[in-house]
Amino acid sequence: MNILLVEDDPVLADGLSHTLRQSCYDVTSAATATYAEGMLLAKNFDLIVLDLGLPDMDGQKLLRNLRTRQVTVPVLVLTARDALDDRIEALKKGADDYMTKPFDLAELETRIHA
């Protein structure tokens, strides 16, 4: 499974990438929305793991842009935003799943597999 991890925290991105690669996933990391959009044009992905707090664009806007362009890759939002309104907004904009930080790695891997 090819995963695009859109996460601007380098420590978290490196740790998640390493853990997911150990579980036999192919992981490409993007620290910005702009880089993520470019990667989506260059490579096919089976899943996007998306942080909402990106430095160049809000993840909600990136999600809306992807769905407007008919990008159908499943999106699992992984964010520190735990408010009900944020969860509802992301799901309305096309997120397939939503997890908040901090999170359990076993749960994340289970949701990725699902």
Protein backbone atom coordinates (compact mmCIF):
# COMPACT_ATOMS: atom_id res chain seq x y z
CA MET A 1 0.00 0.00 0.00
CA ASN A 2 1.34 3.43 -0.98
CA ILE A 3 0.69 6.08 1.66
CA LEU A 4 1.16 9.82 1.34
CA LEU A 5 1.85 11.19 4.82
CA VAL A 6 1.18 14.94 4.93
CA GLU A 7 2.71 16.05 8.23
CA ASP A 8 4.83 19.15 8.91
CA ASP A 9 6.34 17.98 12.23
CA PRO A 10 9.59 16.32 11.12
CA VAL A 11 9.96 14.18 14.25
CA LEU A 12 6.42 12.82 13.98
CA ALA A 13 6.70 12.35 10.21
CA ASP A 14 9.98 10.44 10.55
CA GLY A 15 8.66 8.26 13.36
CA LEU A 16 5.41 7.46 11.57
CA SER A 17 7.18 6.78 8.29
CA HIS A 18 9.62 4.42 9.99
CA THR A 19 6.86 2.56 11.85
CA LEU A 20 4.66 2.21 8.77
CA ARG A 21 7.58 1.02 6.63
CA GLN A 22 8.26 -1.68 9.22
CA SER A 23 4.67 -2.80 8.62
CA CYS A 24 5.44 -3.10 4.87
CA TYR A 25 3.81 0.14 3.75
CA ASP A 26 5.45 2.38 1.14
CA VAL A 27 5.42 5.87 2.69
CA THR A 28 6.09 9.21 1.03
CA SER A 29 6.24 12.22 3.35
CA ALA A 30 5.17 15.74 2.48
CA ALA A 31 5.69 18.61 4.93
CA THR A 32 3.50 21.07 3.01
CA ALA A 33 0.23 21.03 1.12
CA THR A 34 1.99 22.28 -2.00
CA TYR A 35 4.44 19.37 -1.95
CA ALA A 36 1.60 16.93 -1.27
CA GLU A 37 -0.35 18.20 -4.28
CA GLY A 38 2.72 17.74 -6.45
CA MET A 39 3.27 14.20 -5.18
CA LEU A 40 -0.35 13.33 -5.96
CA LEU A 41 0.27 14.35 -9.58
CA ALA A 42 3.49 12.33 -9.78
CA LYS A 43 2.53 9.08 -8.07
CA ASN A 44 -0.51 6.93 -7.30
CA PHE A 45 -1.37 6.55 -3.63
CA ASP A 46 -3.76 4.21 -1.85
CA LEU A 47 -4.20 6.45 1.20
CA ILE A 48 -3.46 9.99 2.36
CA VAL A 49 -2.77 10.54 6.07
CA LEU A 50 -3.39 14.27 6.47
CA ASP A 51 -2.51 16.68 9.25
CA LEU A 52 -4.69 19.79 9.29
CA GLY A 53 -2.10 22.21 10.67
CA LEU A 54 0.17 22.69 7.67
CA PRO A 55 2.46 25.71 7.23
CA ASP A 56 1.33 26.77 3.75
CA MET A 57 -2.37 25.84 3.69
CA ASP A 58 -4.93 24.56 6.14
CA GLY A 59 -5.44 20.82 5.73
CA GLN A 60 -9.20 21.38 5.49
CA LYS A 61 -8.61 23.52 2.40
CA LEU A 62 -6.27 20.92 0.89
CA LEU A 63 -8.91 18.25 1.48
CA ARG A 64 -11.58 20.38 -0.18
CA ASN A 65 -9.25 21.06 -3.14
CA LEU A 66 -8.58 17.36 -3.59
CA ARG A 67 -12.24 16.41 -3.55
CA THR A 68 -13.14 19.31 -5.89
CA ARG A 69 -10.56 17.93 -8.36
CA GLN A 70 -12.19 14.48 -8.07
CA VAL A 71 -9.21 12.93 -6.24
CA THR A 72 -10.80 9.81 -4.77
CA VAL A 73 -7.87 8.53 -2.69
CA PRO A 74 -9.12 7.78 0.84
CA VAL A 75 -8.06 10.40 3.40
CA LEU A 76 -7.43 9.69 7.07
CA VAL A 77 -7.12 12.97 8.96
CA LEU A 78 -4.57 12.79 11.80
CA THR A 79 -4.56 16.03 13.74
CA ALA A 80 -4.38 17.71 17.13
CA ARG A 81 -7.73 19.40 16.44
CA ASP A 82 -10.16 17.51 18.60
CA ALA A 83 -13.22 19.76 18.49
CA LEU A 84 -16.44 18.22 17.21
CA ASP A 85 -16.82 21.02 14.64
CA ASP A 86 -13.40 20.19 13.14
CA ARG A 87 -14.27 16.49 12.86
CA ILE A 88 -17.63 17.23 11.25
CA GLU A 89 -16.12 19.76 8.84
CA ALA A 90 -13.40 17.34 7.70
CA LEU A 91 -15.90 14.54 7.16
CA LYS A 92 -18.19 16.88 5.22
CA LYS A 93 -15.27 17.90 3.01
CA GLY A 94 -14.53 14.30 2.14
CA ALA A 95 -12.34 12.78 4.85
CA ASP A 96 -12.89 9.06 5.20
CA ASP A 97 -11.66 8.83 8.78
CA TYR A 98 -10.50 11.17 11.55
CA MET A 99 -8.08 10.57 14.43
CA THR A 100 -6.75 13.00 16.98
CA LYS A 101 -3.26 13.36 18.39
CA PRO A 102 -2.01 11.91 20.60
CA PHE A 103 -2.93 8.56 19.11
CA ASP A 104 -2.19 4.89 19.54
CA LEU A 105 -0.01 3.40 16.78
CA ALA A 106 -1.90 0.11 16.85
CA GLU A 107 -5.20 1.94 16.29
CA LEU A 108 -3.70 3.99 13.46
CA GLU A 109 -2.38 0.88 11.73
CA THR A 110 -5.75 -0.83 12.15
CA ARG A 111 -7.55 2.12 10.58
CA ILE A 112 -5.01 2.24 7.73
CA HIS A 113 -5.56 -1.45 7.09
CA ALA A 114 -9.33 -0.99 7.13
